[in-house]
Amino acid sequence: MKTLIASIGLFILFSSIIIIAPNEYLDLNFETINPDGKQIVSWEYKGDQSIINIDTSNSLSGKNSLFVRINHPNEGAKYYILLPKVYYKGLRSVEISVNIKMPFEKPNACFWSSADIDNKYFCSASTNKSRLSPTLSMFYTTSTRYIPVMPFSWTSYSYELKIDKDPSAIYIGLFVTKDRAWFDDIKLKINGKPIHDLAFQISHN
């Protein structure tokens, strides 16, 4: 009887280990890394039916990229992270460069940042100045430049978010209006200084 109970206990233990997959942490290039010594940030889901995961067969450099697909036509999805507050004191500039791959000549995806000051929306910037969705109109400014792309080609984008006082929140995210898009090789600068100590936690949907 004791042997049976012990066997059941071991089965439950190992079953839980098999079922509960380990968290996957990736750097700004979405290559698997050891998260020790890095600040962990998770992508938050804010959108309709969509999937976000790592594409191990499609990358501009390295072996991975971040992939987003919309499961239903005409429904967009937004994902974002909240920049850790350790960066907020004295923050006046957030620079982002990213490579995006899209299946359309007209953009169906972008990368964006916005700032809250005193918990109120203050300003924003993105890789696309066009209004892609009424629900995201506040994330687009006329100061950013759209670079046309050919279908399924990697294109580099960059923008700078400037603020004149310490923020209460900085959001960095991506938006896909329809179909699918890939993101790779993100570079982040705070006040002109490259930031390398962030690791993304990706949940495979």
N, C-alpha and C. Protein backbone atom coordinates (compact mmCIF):
# COMPACT_ATOMS: atom_id res chain seq x y z
N MET A 1 0.83 -1.20 0.00
CA MET A 1 0.00 0.00 0.00
C MET A 1 0.87 1.26 0.00
N LYS A 2 1.91 1.24 0.86
CA LYS A 2 2.81 2.39 0.92
C LYS A 2 3.51 2.60 -0.42
N THR A 3 3.85 1.45 -1.05
CA THR A 3 4.51 1.54 -2.36
C THR A 3 3.58 2.16 -3.39
N LEU A 4 2.29 1.80 -3.33
CA LEU A 4 1.30 2.36 -4.26
C LEU A 4 1.13 3.85 -4.05
N ILE A 5 1.04 4.28 -2.79
CA ILE A 5 0.88 5.71 -2.47
C ILE A 5 2.10 6.49 -2.95
N ALA A 6 3.28 5.91 -2.69
CA ALA A 6 4.52 6.57 -3.12
C ALA A 6 4.57 6.69 -4.63
N SER A 7 4.12 5.65 -5.33
CA SER A 7 4.13 5.66 -6.80
C SER A 7 3.18 6.73 -7.34
N ILE A 8 1.99 6.83 -6.70
CA ILE A 8 1.02 7.86 -7.11
C ILE A 8 1.59 9.25 -6.88
N GLY A 9 2.25 9.43 -5.74
CA GLY A 9 2.85 10.72 -5.41
C GLY A 9 3.90 11.12 -6.43
N LEU A 10 4.76 10.17 -6.80
CA LEU A 10 5.80 10.45 -7.78
C LEU A 10 5.20 10.76 -9.15
N PHE A 11 4.12 10.03 -9.50
CA PHE A 11 3.45 10.28 -10.78
C PHE A 11 2.90 11.70 -10.84
N ILE A 12 2.23 12.11 -9.76
CA ILE A 12 1.67 13.47 -9.71
C ILE A 12 2.77 14.52 -9.80
N LEU A 13 3.87 14.26 -9.06
CA LEU A 13 4.98 15.21 -9.07
C LEU A 13 5.56 15.37 -10.46
N PHE A 14 5.88 14.28 -11.13
CA PHE A 14 6.49 14.36 -12.45
C PHE A 14 5.50 14.81 -13.51
N SER A 15 4.21 14.46 -13.32
CA SER A 15 3.20 14.94 -14.25
C SER A 15 3.11 16.45 -14.23
N SER A 16 3.16 17.03 -13.02
CA SER A 16 3.09 18.49 -12.91
C SER A 16 4.31 19.14 -13.53
N ILE A 17 5.46 18.49 -13.41
CA ILE A 17 6.67 19.03 -14.01
C ILE A 17 6.56 19.03 -15.53
N ILE A 18 5.96 17.96 -16.08
CA ILE A 18 5.81 17.86 -17.53
C ILE A 18 4.79 18.88 -18.04
N ILE A 19 3.67 19.02 -17.30
CA ILE A 19 2.58 19.89 -17.74
C ILE A 19 2.97 21.35 -17.63
N ILE A 20 3.62 21.73 -16.55
CA ILE A 20 3.98 23.12 -16.33
C ILE A 20 5.33 23.40 -16.98
N ALA A 21 5.29 23.98 -18.16
CA ALA A 21 6.54 24.25 -18.89
C ALA A 21 7.27 25.41 -18.24
N PRO A 22 8.59 25.41 -18.31
CA PRO A 22 9.35 26.51 -17.72
C PRO A 22 9.11 27.81 -18.49
N ASN A 23 9.21 28.94 -17.78
CA ASN A 23 9.06 30.23 -18.43
C ASN A 23 10.19 30.43 -19.43
N GLU A 24 9.89 31.09 -20.52
CA GLU A 24 10.89 31.39 -21.52
C GLU A 24 11.21 32.87 -21.48
N TYR A 25 12.46 33.20 -21.24
CA TYR A 25 12.90 34.59 -21.18
C TYR A 25 13.79 34.88 -22.36
N LEU A 26 13.54 36.01 -23.02
CA LEU A 26 14.32 36.36 -24.19
C LEU A 26 14.75 37.82 -24.10
N ASP A 27 15.89 38.11 -24.71
CA ASP A 27 16.40 39.47 -24.69
C ASP A 27 15.71 40.29 -25.78
N LEU A 28 16.20 41.50 -26.05
CA LEU A 28 15.55 42.38 -27.00
C LEU A 28 15.63 41.88 -28.43
N ASN A 29 16.47 40.86 -28.68
CA ASN A 29 16.55 40.25 -30.00
C ASN A 29 15.72 38.97 -30.07
N PHE A 30 15.05 38.62 -28.97
CA PHE A 30 14.21 37.43 -28.87
C PHE A 30 15.00 36.14 -29.04
N GLU A 31 16.25 36.16 -28.60
CA GLU A 31 17.05 34.94 -28.54
C GLU A 31 17.02 34.46 -27.09
N THR A 32 16.93 33.15 -26.88
CA THR A 32 16.83 32.61 -25.53
C THR A 32 18.07 32.95 -24.72
N ILE A 33 17.86 33.41 -23.48
CA ILE A 33 18.97 33.82 -22.63
C ILE A 33 18.73 33.32 -21.20
N ASN A 34 19.74 33.46 -20.39
CA ASN A 34 19.61 33.26 -18.95
C ASN A 34 19.19 34.59 -18.33
N PRO A 35 18.02 34.64 -17.65
CA PRO A 35 17.52 35.92 -17.15
C PRO A 35 18.24 36.45 -15.91
N ASP A 36 19.20 35.71 -15.36
CA ASP A 36 19.89 36.17 -14.16
C ASP A 36 20.51 37.54 -14.38
N GLY A 37 20.27 38.44 -13.44
CA GLY A 37 20.85 39.77 -13.52
C GLY A 37 20.10 40.72 -14.44
N LYS A 38 18.98 40.28 -15.00
CA LYS A 38 18.20 41.13 -15.89
C LYS A 38 16.81 41.37 -15.30
N GLN A 39 16.23 42.50 -15.64
CA GLN A 39 14.87 42.81 -15.21
C GLN A 39 13.89 42.12 -16.15
N ILE A 40 12.93 41.43 -15.58
CA ILE A 40 11.97 40.66 -16.36
C ILE A 40 10.72 41.51 -16.62
N VAL A 41 10.33 41.62 -17.88
CA VAL A 41 9.09 42.31 -18.23
C VAL A 41 8.25 41.35 -19.08
N SER A 42 6.94 41.35 -18.86
CA SER A 42 6.04 40.45 -19.57
C SER A 42 5.22 41.23 -20.58
N TRP A 43 4.97 40.64 -21.74
CA TRP A 43 4.02 41.23 -22.67
C TRP A 43 2.62 41.08 -22.11
N GLU A 44 1.89 42.17 -22.06
CA GLU A 44 0.50 42.14 -21.60
C GLU A 44 -0.41 42.12 -22.81
N TYR A 45 -1.43 41.27 -22.75
CA TYR A 45 -2.35 41.15 -23.87
C TYR A 45 -3.46 42.17 -23.77
N LYS A 46 -3.60 42.97 -24.81
CA LYS A 46 -4.69 43.93 -24.88
C LYS A 46 -5.23 43.92 -26.30
N GLY A 47 -6.15 43.05 -26.59
CA GLY A 47 -6.68 43.00 -27.94
C GLY A 47 -7.74 41.93 -28.07
N ASP A 48 -8.11 41.64 -29.29
CA ASP A 48 -9.10 40.61 -29.53
C ASP A 48 -8.41 39.27 -29.76
N GLN A 49 -9.03 38.37 -30.46
CA GLN A 49 -8.48 37.03 -30.65
C GLN A 49 -7.19 37.11 -31.47
N SER A 50 -6.08 36.73 -30.86
CA SER A 50 -4.80 36.78 -31.55
C SER A 50 -3.84 35.83 -30.85
N ILE A 51 -2.68 35.64 -31.48
CA ILE A 51 -1.66 34.77 -30.91
C ILE A 51 -0.33 35.50 -30.97
N ILE A 52 0.47 35.36 -29.91
CA ILE A 52 1.81 35.92 -29.88
C ILE A 52 2.76 34.82 -29.42
N ASN A 53 3.81 34.60 -30.19
CA ASN A 53 4.79 33.61 -29.79
C ASN A 53 6.11 33.84 -30.51
N ILE A 54 7.05 32.96 -30.29
CA ILE A 54 8.37 33.08 -30.90
C ILE A 54 8.43 32.22 -32.15
N ASP A 55 8.82 32.84 -33.26
CA ASP A 55 9.01 32.12 -34.51
C ASP A 55 10.48 31.73 -34.62
N THR A 56 10.75 30.44 -34.57
CA THR A 56 12.14 29.96 -34.60
C THR A 56 12.63 29.70 -36.02
N SER A 57 11.80 29.99 -37.01
CA SER A 57 12.20 29.75 -38.39
C SER A 57 12.27 31.03 -39.20
N ASN A 58 12.09 32.17 -38.54
CA ASN A 58 12.00 33.43 -39.27
C ASN A 58 12.67 34.52 -38.45
N SER A 59 13.80 35.00 -38.90
CA SER A 59 14.53 36.02 -38.15
C SER A 59 15.40 36.83 -39.08
N LEU A 60 15.56 38.11 -38.76
CA LEU A 60 16.46 38.95 -39.55
C LEU A 60 17.91 38.61 -39.23
N SER A 61 18.18 38.41 -37.95
CA SER A 61 19.51 37.99 -37.50
C SER A 61 19.30 37.05 -36.33
N GLY A 62 20.18 36.10 -36.16
CA GLY A 62 19.98 35.11 -35.11
C GLY A 62 19.02 34.03 -35.56
N LYS A 63 18.21 33.53 -34.62
CA LYS A 63 17.33 32.40 -34.96
C LYS A 63 15.87 32.63 -34.61
N ASN A 64 15.54 33.70 -33.86
CA ASN A 64 14.17 33.91 -33.41
C ASN A 64 13.64 35.29 -33.79
N SER A 65 12.33 35.40 -33.86
CA SER A 65 11.66 36.69 -33.94
C SER A 65 10.35 36.58 -33.19
N LEU A 66 9.74 37.72 -32.89
CA LEU A 66 8.44 37.73 -32.23
C LEU A 66 7.35 37.75 -33.30
N PHE A 67 6.40 36.86 -33.20
CA PHE A 67 5.37 36.69 -34.23
C PHE A 67 3.99 36.95 -33.63
N VAL A 68 3.18 37.74 -34.33
CA VAL A 68 1.80 38.01 -33.92
C VAL A 68 0.88 37.70 -35.09
N ARG A 69 -0.19 36.98 -34.81
CA ARG A 69 -1.18 36.66 -35.84
C ARG A 69 -2.57 36.95 -35.31
N ILE A 70 -3.39 37.59 -36.14
CA ILE A 70 -4.78 37.87 -35.80
C ILE A 70 -5.62 36.69 -36.27
N ASN A 71 -6.41 36.13 -35.38
CA ASN A 71 -7.18 34.93 -35.71
C ASN A 71 -8.49 35.21 -36.43
N HIS A 72 -8.97 36.45 -36.35
CA HIS A 72 -10.23 36.80 -37.00
C HIS A 72 -10.01 38.04 -37.87
N PRO A 73 -10.56 38.05 -39.08
CA PRO A 73 -10.39 39.21 -39.97
C PRO A 73 -10.93 40.49 -39.33
N ASN A 74 -10.29 41.59 -39.65
CA ASN A 74 -10.74 42.92 -39.23
C ASN A 74 -10.72 43.14 -37.72
N GLU A 75 -9.93 42.35 -37.00
CA GLU A 75 -9.78 42.56 -35.57
C GLU A 75 -8.30 42.73 -35.27
N GLY A 76 -7.96 43.82 -34.65
CA GLY A 76 -6.56 44.07 -34.33
C GLY A 76 -6.22 43.63 -32.92
N ALA A 77 -4.93 43.64 -32.62
CA ALA A 77 -4.47 43.28 -31.28
C ALA A 77 -3.29 44.16 -30.89
N LYS A 78 -3.26 44.53 -29.63
CA LYS A 78 -2.20 45.37 -29.09
C LYS A 78 -1.54 44.63 -27.94
N TYR A 79 -0.21 44.61 -27.95
CA TYR A 79 0.56 44.05 -26.84
C TYR A 79 1.51 45.12 -26.35
N TYR A 80 1.75 45.15 -25.04
CA TYR A 80 2.67 46.17 -24.54
C TYR A 80 3.37 45.68 -23.27
N ILE A 81 4.48 46.35 -22.96
CA ILE A 81 5.14 46.17 -21.67
C ILE A 81 5.19 47.52 -20.98
N LEU A 82 5.32 47.50 -19.68
CA LEU A 82 5.48 48.71 -18.89
C LEU A 82 6.95 48.81 -18.52
N LEU A 83 7.61 49.88 -18.94
CA LEU A 83 9.02 50.04 -18.64
C LEU A 83 9.22 50.12 -17.13
N PRO A 84 10.17 49.36 -16.56
CA PRO A 84 10.39 49.38 -15.11
C PRO A 84 10.63 50.79 -14.58
N LYS A 85 10.08 51.08 -13.41
CA LYS A 85 10.12 52.43 -12.85
C LYS A 85 11.52 52.92 -12.49
N VAL A 86 12.48 52.00 -12.41
CA VAL A 86 13.85 52.40 -12.09
C VAL A 86 14.39 53.39 -13.13
N TYR A 87 13.80 53.40 -14.32
CA TYR A 87 14.28 54.28 -15.39
C TYR A 87 13.59 55.64 -15.41
N TYR A 88 12.57 55.86 -14.57
CA TYR A 88 11.72 57.03 -14.73
C TYR A 88 12.35 58.34 -14.24
N LYS A 89 13.20 58.28 -13.22
CA LYS A 89 13.77 59.51 -12.69
C LYS A 89 14.72 60.13 -13.70
N GLY A 90 14.41 61.36 -14.08
CA GLY A 90 15.24 62.07 -15.04
C GLY A 90 15.04 61.62 -16.48
N LEU A 91 14.04 60.80 -16.74
CA LEU A 91 13.82 60.30 -18.10
C LEU A 91 13.23 61.41 -18.97
N ARG A 92 13.89 61.69 -20.09
CA ARG A 92 13.43 62.71 -21.01
C ARG A 92 13.31 62.20 -22.45
N SER A 93 13.90 61.04 -22.72
CA SER A 93 13.88 60.53 -24.08
C SER A 93 13.90 59.00 -24.09
N VAL A 94 12.99 58.41 -24.88
CA VAL A 94 12.99 56.96 -25.13
C VAL A 94 13.12 56.76 -26.63
N GLU A 95 14.21 56.12 -27.04
CA GLU A 95 14.43 55.85 -28.46
C GLU A 95 14.26 54.36 -28.72
N ILE A 96 13.54 54.06 -29.78
CA ILE A 96 13.30 52.67 -30.15
C ILE A 96 13.69 52.48 -31.62
N SER A 97 14.41 51.41 -31.89
CA SER A 97 14.58 50.96 -33.27
C SER A 97 14.19 49.49 -33.31
N VAL A 98 13.53 49.08 -34.36
CA VAL A 98 13.00 47.72 -34.46
C VAL A 98 12.89 47.35 -35.93
N ASN A 99 13.01 46.08 -36.22
CA ASN A 99 12.78 45.58 -37.56
C ASN A 99 11.42 44.89 -37.60
N ILE A 100 10.63 45.21 -38.61
CA ILE A 100 9.28 44.66 -38.73
C ILE A 100 9.13 44.05 -40.12
N LYS A 101 8.50 42.89 -40.15
CA LYS A 101 8.22 42.20 -41.41
C LYS A 101 6.71 42.07 -41.56
N MET A 102 6.17 42.58 -42.68
CA MET A 102 4.73 42.60 -42.89
C MET A 102 4.37 42.00 -44.24
N PRO A 103 3.19 41.40 -44.36
CA PRO A 103 2.79 40.77 -45.62
C PRO A 103 2.07 41.69 -46.59
N PHE A 104 2.03 43.00 -46.28
CA PHE A 104 1.30 43.93 -47.14
C PHE A 104 2.18 45.12 -47.49
N GLU A 105 1.89 45.74 -48.65
CA GLU A 105 2.60 46.95 -49.02
C GLU A 105 2.20 48.11 -48.11
N LYS A 106 0.93 48.13 -47.72
CA LYS A 106 0.49 49.12 -46.74
C LYS A 106 0.68 48.52 -45.35
N PRO A 107 1.07 49.33 -44.38
CA PRO A 107 1.41 48.78 -43.06
C PRO A 107 0.21 48.21 -42.33
N ASN A 108 0.41 47.03 -41.76
CA ASN A 108 -0.62 46.44 -40.91
C ASN A 108 -0.12 46.27 -39.49
N ALA A 109 1.08 46.82 -39.20
CA ALA A 109 1.67 46.66 -37.87
C ALA A 109 2.57 47.84 -37.56
N CYS A 110 2.75 48.09 -36.28
CA CYS A 110 3.67 49.16 -35.88
C CYS A 110 4.17 48.88 -34.46
N PHE A 111 5.19 49.61 -34.07
CA PHE A 111 5.73 49.61 -32.72
C PHE A 111 5.48 51.00 -32.15
N TRP A 112 5.10 51.11 -30.88
CA TRP A 112 4.74 52.41 -30.32
C TRP A 112 5.20 52.56 -28.88
N SER A 113 5.24 53.79 -28.43
CA SER A 113 5.51 54.11 -27.02
C SER A 113 4.61 55.27 -26.61
N SER A 114 4.22 55.28 -25.35
CA SER A 114 3.45 56.41 -24.82
C SER A 114 3.87 56.67 -23.38
N ALA A 115 3.64 57.90 -22.93
CA ALA A 115 4.03 58.31 -21.58
C ALA A 115 2.82 58.83 -20.82
N ASP A 116 2.71 58.43 -19.57
CA ASP A 116 1.74 59.01 -18.64
C ASP A 116 2.50 59.86 -17.63
N ILE A 117 1.96 61.01 -17.32
CA ILE A 117 2.51 61.87 -16.28
C ILE A 117 1.39 62.17 -15.30
N ASP A 118 1.65 61.93 -14.02
CA ASP A 118 0.62 62.05 -12.98
C ASP A 118 -0.59 61.19 -13.33
N ASN A 119 -0.29 59.98 -13.88
CA ASN A 119 -1.31 58.98 -14.21
C ASN A 119 -2.30 59.46 -15.28
N LYS A 120 -1.90 60.43 -16.10
CA LYS A 120 -2.71 60.88 -17.21
C LYS A 120 -1.89 60.79 -18.50
N TYR A 121 -2.57 60.42 -19.61
CA TYR A 121 -1.89 60.33 -20.89
C TYR A 121 -1.24 61.66 -21.24
N PHE A 122 0.02 61.59 -21.66
CA PHE A 122 0.77 62.82 -21.94
C PHE A 122 1.20 62.92 -23.40
N CYS A 123 1.94 61.93 -23.90
CA CYS A 123 2.43 62.02 -25.26
C CYS A 123 2.75 60.62 -25.79
N SER A 124 3.01 60.54 -27.09
CA SER A 124 3.28 59.25 -27.70
C SER A 124 4.13 59.41 -28.95
N ALA A 125 4.64 58.27 -29.45
CA ALA A 125 5.36 58.23 -30.72
C ALA A 125 5.28 56.80 -31.22
N SER A 126 5.46 56.61 -32.53
CA SER A 126 5.38 55.26 -33.08
C SER A 126 6.14 55.18 -34.39
N THR A 127 6.23 53.95 -34.94
CA THR A 127 6.88 53.74 -36.22
C THR A 127 5.96 54.09 -37.39
N ASN A 128 4.71 54.43 -37.10
CA ASN A 128 3.76 54.74 -38.16
C ASN A 128 2.90 55.93 -37.75
N LYS A 129 2.91 56.97 -38.57
CA LYS A 129 2.15 58.18 -38.21
C LYS A 129 0.68 58.08 -38.60
N SER A 130 0.31 57.05 -39.37
CA SER A 130 -1.06 56.91 -39.81
C SER A 130 -1.95 56.41 -38.68
N ARG A 131 -3.20 56.74 -38.79
CA ARG A 131 -4.18 56.26 -37.81
C ARG A 131 -4.66 54.89 -38.26
N LEU A 132 -4.17 53.85 -37.61
CA LEU A 132 -4.52 52.49 -38.00
C LEU A 132 -5.81 52.00 -37.35
N SER A 133 -6.18 52.58 -36.22
CA SER A 133 -7.37 52.12 -35.51
C SER A 133 -7.88 53.24 -34.61
N PRO A 134 -9.18 53.48 -34.57
CA PRO A 134 -9.72 54.51 -33.68
C PRO A 134 -9.34 54.29 -32.22
N THR A 135 -9.23 53.03 -31.82
CA THR A 135 -8.92 52.74 -30.42
C THR A 135 -7.46 53.02 -30.09
N LEU A 136 -6.63 53.20 -31.12
CA LEU A 136 -5.21 53.46 -30.88
C LEU A 136 -4.78 54.79 -31.46
N SER A 137 -5.73 55.67 -31.76
CA SER A 137 -5.38 56.92 -32.42
C SER A 137 -4.42 57.76 -31.59
N MET A 138 -4.47 57.63 -30.28
CA MET A 138 -3.61 58.46 -29.44
C MET A 138 -2.14 58.01 -29.51
N PHE A 139 -1.88 56.85 -30.08
CA PHE A 139 -0.51 56.36 -30.13
C PHE A 139 0.24 56.83 -31.38
N TYR A 140 -0.38 57.64 -32.23
CA TYR A 140 0.25 58.03 -33.48
C TYR A 140 0.41 59.54 -33.55
N THR A 141 1.59 59.96 -33.98
CA THR A 141 1.87 61.39 -34.07
C THR A 141 2.37 61.72 -35.46
N THR A 142 2.18 62.96 -35.88
CA THR A 142 2.62 63.38 -37.20
C THR A 142 4.13 63.59 -37.26
N SER A 143 4.81 63.52 -36.14
CA SER A 143 6.25 63.75 -36.13
C SER A 143 7.05 62.51 -36.54
N THR A 144 6.39 61.35 -36.64
CA THR A 144 7.09 60.13 -37.02
C THR A 144 6.92 59.88 -38.52
N ARG A 145 7.81 59.07 -39.08
CA ARG A 145 7.87 58.89 -40.53
C ARG A 145 7.56 57.45 -40.91
N TYR A 146 6.71 57.25 -41.88
CA TYR A 146 6.39 55.92 -42.37
C TYR A 146 7.33 55.56 -43.52
N ILE A 147 7.93 54.38 -43.44
CA ILE A 147 8.82 53.90 -44.49
C ILE A 147 8.11 52.76 -45.21
N PRO A 148 7.78 52.93 -46.50
CA PRO A 148 7.09 51.86 -47.21
C PRO A 148 7.92 50.57 -47.27
N VAL A 149 7.26 49.44 -47.27
CA VAL A 149 7.96 48.16 -47.35
C VAL A 149 7.35 47.32 -48.45
N MET A 150 8.14 46.41 -48.99
CA MET A 150 7.61 45.41 -49.90
C MET A 150 7.08 44.25 -49.07
N PRO A 151 6.12 43.51 -49.59
CA PRO A 151 5.56 42.40 -48.81
C PRO A 151 6.61 41.41 -48.34
N PHE A 152 6.49 41.02 -47.09
CA PHE A 152 7.34 40.00 -46.49
C PHE A 152 8.83 40.35 -46.50
N SER A 153 9.15 41.63 -46.48
CA SER A 153 10.55 42.02 -46.36
C SER A 153 10.77 42.68 -45.01
N TRP A 154 11.95 42.46 -44.42
CA TRP A 154 12.30 43.10 -43.16
C TRP A 154 12.65 44.56 -43.42
N THR A 155 12.10 45.46 -42.63
CA THR A 155 12.38 46.88 -42.75
C THR A 155 12.66 47.46 -41.38
N SER A 156 13.66 48.32 -41.31
CA SER A 156 14.05 48.95 -40.04
C SER A 156 13.24 50.22 -39.82
N TYR A 157 12.76 50.39 -38.59
CA TYR A 157 12.02 51.57 -38.19
C TYR A 157 12.63 52.13 -36.91
N SER A 158 12.45 53.42 -36.70
CA SER A 158 12.92 54.01 -35.44
C SER A 158 12.08 55.24 -35.12
N TYR A 159 12.02 55.57 -33.86
CA TYR A 159 11.33 56.78 -33.42
C TYR A 159 11.86 57.18 -32.06
N GLU A 160 11.54 58.40 -31.65
CA GLU A 160 11.96 58.91 -30.34
C GLU A 160 10.76 59.53 -29.64
N LEU A 161 10.56 59.14 -28.39
CA LEU A 161 9.52 59.72 -27.54
C LEU A 161 10.20 60.69 -26.58
N LYS A 162 9.82 61.97 -26.64
CA LYS A 162 10.42 62.99 -25.78
C LYS A 162 9.40 63.49 -24.77
N ILE A 163 9.83 63.67 -23.52
CA ILE A 163 8.97 64.24 -22.48
C ILE A 163 9.76 65.27 -21.71
N ASP A 164 9.07 66.18 -21.02
CA ASP A 164 9.76 67.27 -20.34
C ASP A 164 9.73 67.17 -18.81
N LYS A 165 9.20 66.06 -18.28
CA LYS A 165 9.23 65.84 -16.84
C LYS A 165 9.17 64.35 -16.56
N ASP A 166 9.50 63.95 -15.34
CA ASP A 166 9.53 62.53 -15.02
C ASP A 166 8.16 61.91 -15.22
N PRO A 167 8.09 60.76 -15.92
CA PRO A 167 6.80 60.11 -16.17
C PRO A 167 6.35 59.27 -14.98
N SER A 168 5.06 58.97 -14.95
CA SER A 168 4.54 58.01 -13.98
C SER A 168 4.41 56.64 -14.61
N ALA A 169 4.46 56.58 -15.95
CA ALA A 169 4.41 55.29 -16.66
C ALA A 169 4.91 55.49 -18.08
N ILE A 170 5.69 54.51 -18.56
CA ILE A 170 6.11 54.47 -19.96
C ILE A 170 5.70 53.12 -20.52
N TYR A 171 4.89 53.15 -21.58
CA TYR A 171 4.44 51.93 -22.24
C TYR A 171 5.20 51.76 -23.55
N ILE A 172 5.63 50.55 -23.81
CA ILE A 172 6.29 50.21 -25.07
C ILE A 172 5.57 49.00 -25.63
N GLY A 173 5.10 49.08 -26.87
CA GLY A 173 4.32 47.97 -27.36
C GLY A 173 4.26 47.88 -28.87
N LEU A 174 3.43 46.98 -29.32
CA LEU A 174 3.24 46.75 -30.74
C LEU A 174 1.75 46.61 -31.03
N PHE A 175 1.41 46.87 -32.27
CA PHE A 175 0.02 46.80 -32.68
C PHE A 175 -0.06 46.18 -34.07
N VAL A 176 -0.93 45.20 -34.24
CA VAL A 176 -1.16 44.56 -35.54
C VAL A 176 -2.64 44.70 -35.86
N THR A 177 -2.96 45.26 -37.01
CA THR A 177 -4.36 45.51 -37.35
C THR A 177 -5.06 44.28 -37.91
N LYS A 178 -4.31 43.46 -38.65
CA LYS A 178 -4.91 42.27 -39.26
C LYS A 178 -3.81 41.32 -39.69
N ASP A 179 -4.18 40.10 -39.98
CA ASP A 179 -3.30 39.09 -40.52
C ASP A 179 -2.13 38.80 -39.58
N ARG A 180 -0.90 39.17 -39.90
CA ARG A 180 0.27 38.78 -39.11
C ARG A 180 1.42 39.74 -39.32
N ALA A 181 2.40 39.66 -38.43
CA ALA A 181 3.60 40.48 -38.55
C ALA A 181 4.68 39.89 -37.66
N TRP A 182 5.94 40.19 -38.00
CA TRP A 182 7.09 39.74 -37.23
C TRP A 182 7.87 40.95 -36.73
N PHE A 183 8.47 40.82 -35.55
CA PHE A 183 9.27 41.89 -34.94
C PHE A 183 10.60 41.30 -34.48
N ASP A 184 11.68 42.05 -34.71
CA ASP A 184 12.99 41.50 -34.36
C ASP A 184 13.98 42.63 -34.06
N ASP A 185 15.04 42.28 -33.33
CA ASP A 185 16.19 43.15 -33.08
C ASP A 185 15.77 44.52 -32.54
N ILE A 186 15.04 44.53 -31.44
CA ILE A 186 14.65 45.79 -30.81
C ILE A 186 15.86 46.41 -30.11
N LYS A 187 16.05 47.68 -30.30
CA LYS A 187 17.09 48.42 -29.58
C LYS A 187 16.42 49.55 -28.82
N LEU A 188 16.74 49.65 -27.55
CA LEU A 188 16.11 50.63 -26.65
C LEU A 188 17.18 51.54 -26.05
N LYS A 189 16.94 52.85 -26.12
CA LYS A 189 17.83 53.82 -25.49
C LYS A 189 17.02 54.70 -24.55
N ILE A 190 17.53 54.92 -23.36
CA ILE A 190 16.95 55.84 -22.38
C ILE A 190 17.91 57.01 -22.22
N ASN A 191 17.42 58.21 -22.53
CA ASN A 191 18.28 59.40 -22.50
C ASN A 191 19.56 59.19 -23.28
N GLY A 192 19.44 58.51 -24.41
CA GLY A 192 20.57 58.28 -25.29
C GLY A 192 21.47 57.12 -24.90
N LYS A 193 21.18 56.45 -23.78
CA LYS A 193 22.01 55.34 -23.31
C LYS A 193 21.35 54.02 -23.65
N PRO A 194 22.06 53.11 -24.34
CA PRO A 194 21.48 51.79 -24.66
C PRO A 194 21.16 51.00 -23.40
N ILE A 195 20.00 50.34 -23.40
CA ILE A 195 19.56 49.52 -22.28
C ILE A 195 19.65 48.05 -22.68
N HIS A 196 20.41 47.27 -21.90
CA HIS A 196 20.61 45.86 -22.24
C HIS A 196 20.15 44.91 -21.14
N ASP A 197 19.62 45.44 -20.03
CA ASP A 197 19.32 44.56 -18.90
C ASP A 197 17.84 44.21 -18.78
N LEU A 198 17.14 44.18 -19.91
CA LEU A 198 15.75 43.77 -19.91
C LEU A 198 15.62 42.41 -20.58
N ALA A 199 14.78 41.56 -20.05
CA ALA A 199 14.47 40.27 -20.64
C ALA A 199 12.97 40.12 -20.72
N PHE A 200 12.47 39.72 -21.88
CA PHE A 200 11.04 39.53 -22.06
C PHE A 200 10.62 38.15 -21.60
N GLN A 201 9.45 38.08 -20.99
CA GLN A 201 8.82 36.79 -20.71
C GLN A 201 7.71 36.60 -21.72
N ILE A 202 7.82 35.57 -22.52
CA ILE A 202 6.86 35.33 -23.59
C ILE A 202 5.96 34.16 -23.23
N SER A 203 4.66 34.37 -23.31
CA SER A 203 3.70 33.29 -23.10
C SER A 203 3.24 32.80 -24.46
N HIS A 204 3.41 31.52 -24.72
CA HIS A 204 2.98 30.94 -26.00
C HIS A 204 1.49 30.64 -25.92
N ASN A 205 0.71 31.31 -26.76
CA ASN A 205 -0.75 31.11 -26.76
C ASN A 205 -1.09 29.84 -27.53
